[in-house]
Amino acid sequence: MPMYLSRFSYTPQTWARLIENPEDRREAARSYIESVGGKLHGFWYAFGEHDGWNLWEAPDNVSMASVVLAIGAGGALSSYETTVLLDVEETIEALGKAKSIRYRPPGA
């Protein structure tokens, strides 16, 4: 199954609610991805550009997109980005296929 890395930031209102009522959001995240047949591999909070990071596994891009859309529609986040991750074998396969592509730079 494909792996996905998500970066998110909460709104100030969400942080205020979490301060008032601390909650382990891993359980919520786990239930979202499991509802589409996936798995949560990690959930971390961080200092910096993003408040948190998730590592997910989902059956396909449509399943992951449905989770991302549902989370985004909830209004608790100020930003949310998801990146599809390639394993080493997929990258090697892509490198092999890249050989057959006749790329032409702009203006060349």
PDB file of N, CA and C in Angstrom:
ATOM      1  N   MET A   1       0.850  -1.186   0.000  1.00  0.00           N
ATOM      2  CA  MET A   1       0.000   0.000   0.000  1.00  0.00           C
ATOM      3  C   MET A   1       0.888   1.240   0.000  1.00  0.00           C
ATOM      4  N   PRO A   2       0.458   2.286  -0.694  1.00  0.00           N
ATOM      5  CA  PRO A   2       1.222   3.535  -0.717  1.00  0.00           C
ATOM      6  C   PRO A   2       1.330   4.177   0.668  1.00  0.00           C
ATOM      7  N   MET A   3       2.436   4.890   0.874  1.00  0.00           N
ATOM      8  CA  MET A   3       2.674   5.627   2.121  1.00  0.00           C
ATOM      9  C   MET A   3       2.523   7.113   1.833  1.00  0.00           C
ATOM     10  N   TYR A   4       2.097   7.851   2.859  1.00  0.00           N
ATOM     11  CA  TYR A   4       1.840   9.286   2.736  1.00  0.00           C
ATOM     12  C   TYR A   4       2.377   9.996   3.973  1.00  0.00           C
ATOM     13  N   LEU A   5       2.986  11.159   3.745  1.00  0.00           N
ATOM     14  CA  LEU A   5       3.459  12.014   4.829  1.00  0.00           C
ATOM     15  C   LEU A   5       2.608  13.266   4.827  1.00  0.00           C
ATOM     16  N   SER A   6       1.965  13.554   5.949  1.00  0.00           N
ATOM     17  CA  SER A   6       1.145  14.759   6.058  1.00  0.00           C
ATOM     18  C   SER A   6       1.759  15.717   7.069  1.00  0.00           C
ATOM     19  N   ARG A   7       1.676  16.993   6.746  1.00  0.00           N
ATOM     20  CA  ARG A   7       2.112  18.068   7.628  1.00  0.00           C
ATOM     21  C   ARG A   7       0.901  18.949   7.873  1.00  0.00           C
ATOM     22  N   PHE A   8       0.669  19.308   9.129  1.00  0.00           N
ATOM     23  CA  PHE A   8      -0.519  20.108   9.430  1.00  0.00           C
ATOM     24  C   PHE A   8      -0.218  21.164  10.478  1.00  0.00           C
ATOM     25  N   SER A   9      -1.071  22.174  10.507  1.00  0.00           N
ATOM     26  CA  SER A   9      -1.032  23.194  11.552  1.00  0.00           C
ATOM     27  C   SER A   9      -2.453  23.434  12.028  1.00  0.00           C
ATOM     28  N   TYR A  10      -2.592  23.574  13.335  1.00  0.00           N
ATOM     29  CA  TYR A  10      -3.896  23.859  13.929  1.00  0.00           C
ATOM     30  C   TYR A  10      -4.186  25.352  13.888  1.00  0.00           C
ATOM     31  N   THR A  11      -5.455  25.700  13.919  1.00  0.00           N
ATOM     32  CA  THR A  11      -5.855  27.096  14.076  1.00  0.00           C
ATOM     33  C   THR A  11      -5.623  27.488  15.536  1.00  0.00           C
ATOM     34  N   PRO A  12      -5.532  28.796  15.837  1.00  0.00           N
ATOM     35  CA  PRO A  12      -5.432  29.208  17.246  1.00  0.00           C
ATOM     36  C   PRO A  12      -6.623  28.704  18.078  1.00  0.00           C
ATOM     37  N   GLN A  13      -7.802  28.671  17.492  1.00  0.00           N
ATOM     38  CA  GLN A  13      -8.984  28.194  18.209  1.00  0.00           C
ATOM     39  C   GLN A  13      -8.843  26.713  18.580  1.00  0.00           C
ATOM     40  N   THR A  14      -8.262  25.914  17.672  1.00  0.00           N
ATOM     41  CA  THR A  14      -8.053  24.499  17.968  1.00  0.00           C
ATOM     42  C   THR A  14      -7.074  24.335  19.114  1.00  0.00           C
ATOM     43  N   TRP A  15      -5.976  25.102  19.096  1.00  0.00           N
ATOM     44  CA  TRP A  15      -5.026  25.024  20.209  1.00  0.00           C
ATOM     45  C   TRP A  15      -5.711  25.409  21.521  1.00  0.00           C
ATOM     46  N   ALA A  16      -6.542  26.433  21.487  1.00  0.00           N
ATOM     47  CA  ALA A  16      -7.250  26.853  22.702  1.00  0.00           C
ATOM     48  C   ALA A  16      -8.148  25.724  23.222  1.00  0.00           C
ATOM     49  N   ARG A  17      -8.841  25.032  22.323  1.00  0.00           N
ATOM     50  CA  ARG A  17      -9.693  23.905  22.744  1.00  0.00           C
ATOM     51  C   ARG A  17      -8.855  22.766  23.320  1.00  0.00           C
ATOM     52  N   LEU A  18      -7.689  22.500  22.707  1.00  0.00           N
ATOM     53  CA  LEU A  18      -6.824  21.434  23.211  1.00  0.00           C
ATOM     54  C   LEU A  18      -6.207  21.795  24.570  1.00  0.00           C
ATOM     55  N   ILE A  19      -5.907  23.064  24.781  1.00  0.00           N
ATOM     56  CA  ILE A  19      -5.390  23.496  26.089  1.00  0.00           C
ATOM     57  C   ILE A  19      -6.474  23.311  27.150  1.00  0.00           C
ATOM     58  N   GLU A  20      -7.691  23.681  26.805  1.00  0.00           N
ATOM     59  CA  GLU A  20      -8.827  23.561  27.723  1.00  0.00           C
ATOM     60  C   GLU A  20      -9.178  22.095  28.005  1.00  0.00           C
ATOM     61  N   ASN A  21      -9.029  21.242  26.982  1.00  0.00           N
ATOM     62  CA  ASN A  21      -9.403  19.836  27.103  1.00  0.00           C
ATOM     63  C   ASN A  21      -8.372  18.989  26.350  1.00  0.00           C
ATOM     64  N   PRO A  22      -7.191  18.737  26.957  1.00  0.00           N
ATOM     65  CA  PRO A  22      -6.143  17.968  26.272  1.00  0.00           C
ATOM     66  C   PRO A  22      -6.672  16.611  25.788  1.00  0.00           C
ATOM     67  N   GLU A  23      -6.242  16.244  24.584  1.00  0.00           N
ATOM     68  CA  GLU A  23      -6.746  15.035  23.937  1.00  0.00           C
ATOM     69  C   GLU A  23      -5.652  14.416  23.083  1.00  0.00           C
ATOM     70  N   ASP A  24      -5.567  13.101  23.089  1.00  0.00           N
ATOM     71  CA  ASP A  24      -4.632  12.373  22.234  1.00  0.00           C
ATOM     72  C   ASP A  24      -5.269  12.236  20.852  1.00  0.00           C
ATOM     73  N   ARG A  25      -4.846  13.042  19.894  1.00  0.00           N
ATOM     74  CA  ARG A  25      -5.440  13.056  18.561  1.00  0.00           C
ATOM     75  C   ARG A  25      -5.000  11.877  17.699  1.00  0.00           C
ATOM     76  N   ARG A  26      -4.053  11.069  18.178  1.00  0.00           N
ATOM     77  CA  ARG A  26      -3.671   9.873  17.421  1.00  0.00           C
ATOM     78  C   ARG A  26      -4.854   8.940  17.225  1.00  0.00           C
ATOM     79  N   GLU A  27      -5.685   8.823  18.242  1.00  0.00           N
ATOM     80  CA  GLU A  27      -6.824   7.909  18.139  1.00  0.00           C
ATOM     81  C   GLU A  27      -7.806   8.371  17.065  1.00  0.00           C
ATOM     82  N   ALA A  28      -8.046   9.669  16.989  1.00  0.00           N
ATOM     83  CA  ALA A  28      -8.923  10.200  15.940  1.00  0.00           C
ATOM     84  C   ALA A  28      -8.308   9.943  14.565  1.00  0.00           C
ATOM     85  N   ALA A  29      -7.020  10.254  14.427  1.00  0.00           N
ATOM     86  CA  ALA A  29      -6.337  10.049  13.138  1.00  0.00           C
ATOM     87  C   ALA A  29      -6.377   8.576  12.742  1.00  0.00           C
ATOM     88  N   ARG A  30      -6.138   7.707  13.704  1.00  0.00           N
ATOM     89  CA  ARG A  30      -6.160   6.264  13.428  1.00  0.00           C
ATOM     90  C   ARG A  30      -7.540   5.837  12.929  1.00  0.00           C
ATOM     91  N   SER A  31      -8.598   6.335  13.547  1.00  0.00           N
ATOM     92  CA  SER A  31      -9.951   5.941  13.118  1.00  0.00           C
ATOM     93  C   SER A  31     -10.256   6.436  11.712  1.00  0.00           C
ATOM     94  N   TYR A  32      -9.752   7.618  11.339  1.00  0.00           N
ATOM     95  CA  TYR A  32     -10.004   8.147   9.991  1.00  0.00           C
ATOM     96  C   TYR A  32      -9.385   7.242   8.929  1.00  0.00           C
ATOM     97  N   ILE A  33      -8.107   6.906   9.104  1.00  0.00           N
ATOM     98  CA  ILE A  33      -7.417   6.127   8.070  1.00  0.00           C
ATOM     99  C   ILE A  33      -7.890   4.676   8.066  1.00  0.00           C
ATOM    100  N   GLU A  34      -8.211   4.127   9.229  1.00  0.00           N
ATOM    101  CA  GLU A  34      -8.707   2.753   9.270  1.00  0.00           C
ATOM    102  C   GLU A  34     -10.078   2.627   8.604  1.00  0.00           C
ATOM    103  N   SER A  35     -10.845   3.718   8.592  1.00  0.00           N
ATOM    104  CA  SER A  35     -12.169   3.673   7.957  1.00  0.00           C
ATOM    105  C   SER A  35     -12.082   3.458   6.453  1.00  0.00           C
ATOM    106  N   VAL A  36     -10.903   3.714   5.860  1.00  0.00           N
ATOM    107  CA  VAL A  36     -10.718   3.484   4.423  1.00  0.00           C
ATOM    108  C   VAL A  36      -9.773   2.312   4.156  1.00  0.00           C
ATOM    109  N   GLY A  37      -9.487   1.535   5.195  1.00  0.00           N
ATOM    110  CA  GLY A  37      -8.635   0.366   5.025  1.00  0.00           C
ATOM    111  C   GLY A  37      -7.153   0.630   5.155  1.00  0.00           C
ATOM    112  N   GLY A  38      -6.781   1.760   5.750  1.00  0.00           N
ATOM    113  CA  GLY A  38      -5.375   2.117   5.891  1.00  0.00           C
ATOM    114  C   GLY A  38      -4.872   1.956   7.306  1.00  0.00           C
ATOM    115  N   LYS A  39      -3.675   2.515   7.542  1.00  0.00           N
ATOM    116  CA  LYS A  39      -3.030   2.388   8.842  1.00  0.00           C
ATOM    117  C   LYS A  39      -2.257   3.661   9.164  1.00  0.00           C
ATOM    118  N   LEU A  40      -2.331   4.087  10.416  1.00  0.00           N
ATOM    119  CA  LEU A  40      -1.525   5.201  10.900  1.00  0.00           C
ATOM    120  C   LEU A  40      -0.216   4.634  11.425  1.00  0.00           C
ATOM    121  N   HIS A  41       0.915   5.087  10.873  1.00  0.00           N
ATOM    122  CA  HIS A  41       2.225   4.597  11.303  1.00  0.00           C
ATOM    123  C   HIS A  41       2.900   5.529  12.290  1.00  0.00           C
ATOM    124  N   GLY A  42       2.485   6.784  12.331  1.00  0.00           N
ATOM    125  CA  GLY A  42       3.109   7.718  13.264  1.00  0.00           C
ATOM    126  C   GLY A  42       2.376   9.038  13.324  1.00  0.00           C
ATOM    127  N   PHE A  43       2.463   9.682  14.478  1.00  0.00           N
ATOM    128  CA  PHE A  43       1.822  10.980  14.703  1.00  0.00           C
ATOM    129  C   PHE A  43       2.756  11.748  15.629  1.00  0.00           C
ATOM    130  N   TRP A  44       3.254  12.890  15.164  1.00  0.00           N
ATOM    131  CA  TRP A  44       4.191  13.682  15.949  1.00  0.00           C
ATOM    132  C   TRP A  44       3.779  15.146  15.935  1.00  0.00           C
ATOM    133  N   TYR A  45       4.070  15.839  17.029  1.00  0.00           N
ATOM    134  CA  TYR A  45       3.964  17.298  17.070  1.00  0.00           C
ATOM    135  C   TYR A  45       5.371  17.859  16.934  1.00  0.00           C
ATOM    136  N   ALA A  46       5.469  19.108  16.466  1.00  0.00           N
ATOM    137  CA  ALA A  46       6.784  19.680  16.183  1.00  0.00           C
ATOM    138  C   ALA A  46       6.774  21.187  16.392  1.00  0.00           C
ATOM    139  N   PHE A  47       7.955  21.754  16.537  1.00  0.00           N
ATOM    140  CA  PHE A  47       8.129  23.194  16.499  1.00  0.00           C
ATOM    141  C   PHE A  47       8.505  23.541  15.069  1.00  0.00           C
ATOM    142  N   GLY A  48       8.106  24.699  14.594  1.00  0.00           N
ATOM    143  CA  GLY A  48       8.517  25.107  13.258  1.00  0.00           C
ATOM    144  C   GLY A  48       7.343  25.453  12.371  1.00  0.00           C
ATOM    145  N   GLU A  49       7.547  25.264  11.095  1.00  0.00           N
ATOM    146  CA  GLU A  49       6.558  25.664  10.088  1.00  0.00           C
ATOM    147  C   GLU A  49       5.235  24.918  10.244  1.00  0.00           C
ATOM    148  N   HIS A  50       5.283  23.674  10.694  1.00  0.00           N
ATOM    149  CA  HIS A  50       4.079  22.865  10.867  1.00  0.00           C
ATOM    150  C   HIS A  50       3.968  22.437  12.329  1.00  0.00           C
ATOM    151  N   ASP A  51       2.722  22.301  12.791  1.00  0.00           N
ATOM    152  CA  ASP A  51       2.485  21.879  14.175  1.00  0.00           C
ATOM    153  C   ASP A  51       2.632  20.379  14.353  1.00  0.00           C
ATOM    154  N   GLY A  52       2.386  19.623  13.283  1.00  0.00           N
ATOM    155  CA  GLY A  52       2.449  18.181  13.424  1.00  0.00           C
ATOM    156  C   GLY A  52       2.678  17.466  12.117  1.00  0.00           C
ATOM    157  N   TRP A  53       3.010  16.177  12.243  1.00  0.00           N
ATOM    158  CA  TRP A  53       3.328  15.309  11.109  1.00  0.00           C
ATOM    159  C   TRP A  53       2.660  13.962  11.320  1.00  0.00           C
ATOM    160  N   ASN A  54       2.151  13.382  10.251  1.00  0.00           N
ATOM    161  CA  ASN A  54       1.576  12.036  10.290  1.00  0.00           C
ATOM    162  C   ASN A  54       2.207  11.193   9.199  1.00  0.00           C
ATOM    163  N   LEU A  55       2.392   9.918   9.484  1.00  0.00           N
ATOM    164  CA  LEU A  55       2.822   8.957   8.482  1.00  0.00           C
ATOM    165  C   LEU A  55       1.709   7.931   8.353  1.00  0.00           C
ATOM    166  N   TRP A  56       1.128   7.844   7.151  1.00  0.00           N
ATOM    167  CA  TRP A  56      -0.036   7.011   6.891  1.00  0.00           C
ATOM    168  C   TRP A  56       0.258   5.975   5.815  1.00  0.00           C
ATOM    169  N   GLU A  57      -0.539   4.931   5.805  1.00  0.00           N
ATOM    170  CA  GLU A  57      -0.566   3.968   4.721  1.00  0.00           C
ATOM    171  C   GLU A  57      -2.027   3.859   4.302  1.00  0.00           C
ATOM    172  N   ALA A  58      -2.295   3.938   3.004  1.00  0.00           N
ATOM    173  CA  ALA A  58      -3.671   3.855   2.498  1.00  0.00           C
ATOM    174  C   ALA A  58      -3.689   2.964   1.264  1.00  0.00           C
ATOM    175  N   PRO A  59      -4.850   2.364   0.990  1.00  0.00           N
ATOM    176  CA  PRO A  59      -4.938   1.458  -0.164  1.00  0.00           C
ATOM    177  C   PRO A  59      -4.627   2.128  -1.502  1.00  0.00           C
ATOM    178  N   ASP A  60      -4.944   3.417  -1.627  1.00  0.00           N
ATOM    179  CA  ASP A  60      -4.753   4.127  -2.901  1.00  0.00           C
ATOM    180  C   ASP A  60      -4.912   5.623  -2.672  1.00  0.00           C
ATOM    181  N   ASN A  61      -4.613   6.410  -3.716  1.00  0.00           N
ATOM    182  CA  ASN A  61      -4.693   7.868  -3.605  1.00  0.00           C
ATOM    183  C   ASN A  61      -6.104   8.359  -3.321  1.00  0.00           C
ATOM    184  N   VAL A  62      -7.107   7.718  -3.895  1.00  0.00           N
ATOM    185  CA  VAL A  62      -8.491   8.151  -3.669  1.00  0.00           C
ATOM    186  C   VAL A  62      -8.866   7.971  -2.201  1.00  0.00           C
ATOM    187  N   SER A  63      -8.477   6.843  -1.611  1.00  0.00           N
ATOM    188  CA  SER A  63      -8.767   6.611  -0.192  1.00  0.00           C
ATOM    189  C   SER A  63      -8.091   7.655   0.679  1.00  0.00           C
ATOM    190  N   MET A  64      -6.821   7.942   0.393  1.00  0.00           N
ATOM    191  CA  MET A  64      -6.104   8.951   1.181  1.00  0.00           C
ATOM    192  C   MET A  64      -6.716  10.319   0.968  1.00  0.00           C
ATOM    193  N   ALA A  65      -7.083  10.631  -0.268  1.00  0.00           N
ATOM    194  CA  ALA A  65      -7.701  11.931  -0.554  1.00  0.00           C
ATOM    195  C   ALA A  65      -9.003  12.093   0.226  1.00  0.00           C
ATOM    196  N   SER A  66      -9.764  11.015   0.377  1.00  0.00           N
ATOM    197  CA  SER A  66     -11.019  11.122   1.121  1.00  0.00           C
ATOM    198  C   SER A  66     -10.756  11.461   2.583  1.00  0.00           C
ATOM    199  N   VAL A  67      -9.703  10.905   3.160  1.00  0.00           N
ATOM    200  CA  VAL A  67      -9.336  11.230   4.541  1.00  0.00           C
ATOM    201  C   VAL A  67      -8.895  12.687   4.637  1.00  0.00           C
ATOM    202  N   VAL A  68      -8.049  13.118   3.706  1.00  0.00           N
ATOM    203  CA  VAL A  68      -7.557  14.495   3.696  1.00  0.00           C
ATOM    204  C   VAL A  68      -8.718  15.484   3.551  1.00  0.00           C
ATOM    205  N   LEU A  69      -9.650  15.185   2.650  1.00  0.00           N
ATOM    206  CA  LEU A  69     -10.805  16.073   2.456  1.00  0.00           C
ATOM    207  C   LEU A  69     -11.664  16.154   3.704  1.00  0.00           C
ATOM    208  N   ALA A  70     -11.900  15.014   4.352  1.00  0.00           N
ATOM    209  CA  ALA A  70     -12.718  15.005   5.567  1.00  0.00           C
ATOM    210  C   ALA A  70     -12.049  15.804   6.685  1.00  0.00           C
ATOM    211  N   ILE A  71     -10.746  15.610   6.846  1.00  0.00           N
ATOM    212  CA  ILE A  71     -10.023  16.355   7.882  1.00  0.00           C
ATOM    213  C   ILE A  71     -10.033  17.849   7.568  1.00  0.00           C
ATOM    214  N   GLY A  72      -9.737  18.197   6.325  1.00  0.00           N
ATOM    215  CA  GLY A  72      -9.712  19.606   5.930  1.00  0.00           C
ATOM    216  C   GLY A  72     -11.049  20.292   6.088  1.00  0.00           C
ATOM    217  N   ALA A  73     -12.122  19.573   5.836  1.00  0.00           N
ATOM    218  CA  ALA A  73     -13.460  20.154   5.946  1.00  0.00           C
ATOM    219  C   ALA A  73     -13.878  20.377   7.399  1.00  0.00           C
ATOM    220  N   GLY A  74     -13.152  19.783   8.341  1.00  0.00           N
ATOM    221  CA  GLY A  74     -13.509  19.907   9.753  1.00  0.00           C
ATOM    222  C   GLY A  74     -13.250  21.268  10.357  1.00  0.00           C
ATOM    223  N   GLY A  75     -12.380  22.069   9.726  1.00  0.00           N
ATOM    224  CA  GLY A  75     -12.144  23.436  10.180  1.00  0.00           C
ATOM    225  C   GLY A  75     -11.142  23.603  11.312  1.00  0.00           C
ATOM    226  N   ALA A  76     -10.528  22.522  11.799  1.00  0.00           N
ATOM    227  CA  ALA A  76      -9.596  22.625  12.923  1.00  0.00           C
ATOM    228  C   ALA A  76      -8.178  22.984  12.493  1.00  0.00           C
ATOM    229  N   LEU A  77      -7.903  22.897  11.188  1.00  0.00           N
ATOM    230  CA  LEU A  77      -6.550  23.116  10.702  1.00  0.00           C
ATOM    231  C   LEU A  77      -6.439  24.415   9.927  1.00  0.00           C
ATOM    232  N   SER A  78      -5.280  25.057  10.054  1.00  0.00           N
ATOM    233  CA  SER A  78      -5.008  26.247   9.251  1.00  0.00           C
ATOM    234  C   SER A  78      -4.238  25.884   7.990  1.00  0.00           C
ATOM    235  N   SER A  79      -3.567  24.725   8.005  1.00  0.00           N
ATOM    236  CA  SER A  79      -2.889  24.233   6.804  1.00  0.00           C
ATOM    237  C   SER A  79      -2.767  22.721   6.877  1.00  0.00           C
ATOM    238  N   TYR A  80      -2.718  22.096   5.686  1.00  0.00           N
ATOM    239  CA  TYR A  80      -2.606  20.641   5.611  1.00  0.00           C
ATOM    240  C   TYR A  80      -1.984  20.294   4.275  1.00  0.00           C
ATOM    241  N   GLU A  81      -0.901  19.550   4.293  1.00  0.00           N
ATOM    242  CA  GLU A  81      -0.208  19.129   3.075  1.00  0.00           C
ATOM    243  C   GLU A  81       0.058  17.635   3.166  1.00  0.00           C
ATOM    244  N   THR A  82      -0.144  16.924   2.080  1.00  0.00           N
ATOM    245  CA  THR A  82       0.136  15.496   2.049  1.00  0.00           C
ATOM    246  C   THR A  82       1.033  15.186   0.858  1.00  0.00           C
ATOM    247  N   THR A  83       2.051  14.375   1.093  1.00  0.00           N
ATOM    248  CA  THR A  83       2.992  13.970   0.067  1.00  0.00           C
ATOM    249  C   THR A  83       2.937  12.453  -0.080  1.00  0.00           C
ATOM    250  N   VAL A  84       2.802  11.989  -1.321  1.00  0.00           N
ATOM    251  CA  VAL A  84       2.881  10.556  -1.590  1.00  0.00           C
ATOM    252  C   VAL A  84       4.353  10.165  -1.527  1.00  0.00           C
ATOM    253  N   LEU A  85       4.666   9.127  -0.767  1.00  0.00           N
ATOM    254  CA  LEU A  85       6.039   8.671  -0.627  1.00  0.00           C
ATOM    255  C   LEU A  85       6.299   7.475  -1.535  1.00  0.00           C
ATOM    256  N   LEU A  86       7.470   7.446  -2.155  1.00  0.00           N
ATOM    257  CA  LEU A  86       7.898   6.314  -2.974  1.00  0.00           C
ATOM    258  C   LEU A  86       8.935   5.520  -2.193  1.00  0.00           C
ATOM    259  N   ASP A  87       8.812   4.194  -2.211  1.00  0.00           N
ATOM    260  CA  ASP A  87       9.862   3.398  -1.587  1.00  0.00           C
ATOM    261  C   ASP A  87      11.037   3.298  -2.563  1.00  0.00           C
ATOM    262  N   VAL A  88      12.137   2.719  -2.121  1.00  0.00           N
ATOM    263  CA  VAL A  88      13.349   2.658  -2.941  1.00  0.00           C
ATOM    264  C   VAL A  88      13.095   1.887  -4.235  1.00  0.00           C
ATOM    265  N   GLU A  89      12.361   0.770  -4.140  1.00  0.00           N
ATOM    266  CA  GLU A  89      12.082  -0.028  -5.329  1.00  0.00           C
ATOM    267  C   GLU A  89      11.269   0.754  -6.361  1.00  0.00           C
ATOM    268  N   GLU A  90      10.277   1.511  -5.910  1.00  0.00           N
ATOM    269  CA  GLU A  90       9.481   2.327  -6.830  1.00  0.00           C
ATOM    270  C   GLU A  90      10.342   3.407  -7.481  1.00  0.00           C
ATOM    271  N   THR A  91      11.246   3.983  -6.711  1.00  0.00           N
ATOM    272  CA  THR A  91      12.136   5.008  -7.257  1.00  0.00           C
ATOM    273  C   THR A  91      13.068   4.420  -8.299  1.00  0.00           C
ATOM    274  N   ILE A  92      13.610   3.233  -8.038  1.00  0.00           N
ATOM    275  CA  ILE A  92      14.484   2.574  -9.014  1.00  0.00           C
ATOM    276  C   ILE A  92      13.705   2.256 -10.286  1.00  0.00           C
ATOM    277  N   GLU A  93      12.471   1.794 -10.137  1.00  0.00           N
ATOM    278  CA  GLU A  93      11.633   1.527 -11.307  1.00  0.00           C
ATOM    279  C   GLU A  93      11.391   2.815 -12.109  1.00  0.00           C
ATOM    280  N   ALA A  94      11.113   3.910 -11.398  1.00  0.00           N
ATOM    281  CA  ALA A  94      10.896   5.194 -12.077  1.00  0.00           C
ATOM    282  C   ALA A  94      12.157   5.661 -12.794  1.00  0.00           C
ATOM    283  N   LEU A  95      13.312   5.449 -12.170  1.00  0.00           N
ATOM    284  CA  LEU A  95      14.571   5.824 -12.813  1.00  0.00           C
ATOM    285  C   LEU A  95      14.763   5.038 -14.106  1.00  0.00           C
ATOM    286  N   GLY A  96      14.426   3.759 -14.084  1.00  0.00           N
ATOM    287  CA  GLY A  96      14.535   2.944 -15.289  1.00  0.00           C
ATOM    288  C   GLY A  96      13.611   3.440 -16.393  1.00  0.00           C
ATOM    289  N   LYS A  97      12.383   3.793 -16.042  1.00  0.00           N
ATOM    290  CA  LYS A  97      11.437   4.300 -17.041  1.00  0.00           C
ATOM    291  C   LYS A  97      11.845   5.672 -17.561  1.00  0.00           C
ATOM    292  N   ALA A  98      12.522   6.447 -16.721  1.00  0.00           N
ATOM    293  CA  ALA A  98      12.941   7.788 -17.134  1.00  0.00           C
ATOM    294  C   ALA A  98      13.914   7.744 -18.310  1.00  0.00           C
ATOM    295  N   LYS A  99      14.657   6.650 -18.438  1.00  0.00           N
ATOM    296  CA  LYS A  99      15.611   6.513 -19.549  1.00  0.00           C
ATOM    297  C   LYS A  99      14.923   6.623 -20.911  1.00  0.00           C
ATOM    298  N   SER A 100      13.689   6.151 -21.007  1.00  0.00           N
ATOM    299  CA  SER A 100      13.000   6.115 -22.301  1.00  0.00           C
ATOM    300  C   SER A 100      12.272   7.418 -22.636  1.00  0.00           C
ATOM    301  N   ILE A 101      12.275   8.366 -21.723  1.00  0.00           N
ATOM    302  CA  ILE A 101      11.579   9.629 -21.971  1.00  0.00           C
ATOM    303  C   ILE A 101      12.540  10.602 -22.641  1.00  0.00           C
ATOM    304  N   ARG A 102      12.129  11.136 -23.763  1.00  0.00           N
ATOM    305  CA  ARG A 102      12.960  12.087 -24.524  1.00  0.00           C
ATOM    306  C   ARG A 102      12.588  13.510 -24.101  1.00  0.00           C
ATOM    307  N   TYR A 103      13.137  13.941 -22.967  1.00  0.00           N
ATOM    308  CA  TYR A 103      12.864  15.295 -22.461  1.00  0.00           C
ATOM    309  C   TYR A 103      13.589  16.326 -23.299  1.00  0.00           C
ATOM    310  N   ARG A 104      12.906  17.447 -23.583  1.00  0.00           N
ATOM    311  CA  ARG A 104      13.498  18.569 -24.282  1.00  0.00           C
ATOM    312  C   ARG A 104      13.306  19.799 -23.417  1.00  0.00           C
ATOM    313  N   PRO A 105      14.397  20.457 -22.975  1.00  0.00           N
ATOM    314  CA  PRO A 105      14.273  21.664 -22.160  1.00  0.00           C
ATOM    315  C   PRO A 105      13.553  22.775 -22.930  1.00  0.00           C
ATOM    316  N   PRO A 106      12.880  23.664 -22.228  1.00  0.00           N
ATOM    317  CA  PRO A 106      12.196  24.774 -22.912  1.00  0.00           C
ATOM    318  C   PRO A 106      13.180  25.568 -23.765  1.00  0.00           C
ATOM    319  N   GLY A 107      12.769  25.912 -24.956  1.00  0.00           N
ATOM    320  CA  GLY A 107      13.593  26.719 -25.843  1.00  0.00           C
ATOM    321  C   GLY A 107      14.692  25.960 -26.557  1.00  0.00           C
ATOM    322  N   ALA A 108      14.843  24.684 -26.300  1.00  0.00           N
ATOM    323  CA  ALA A 108      15.936  23.928 -26.934  1.00  0.00           C
ATOM    324  C   ALA A 108      15.495  23.331 -28.239  1.00  0.00           C
TER     325      ALA A 108
END
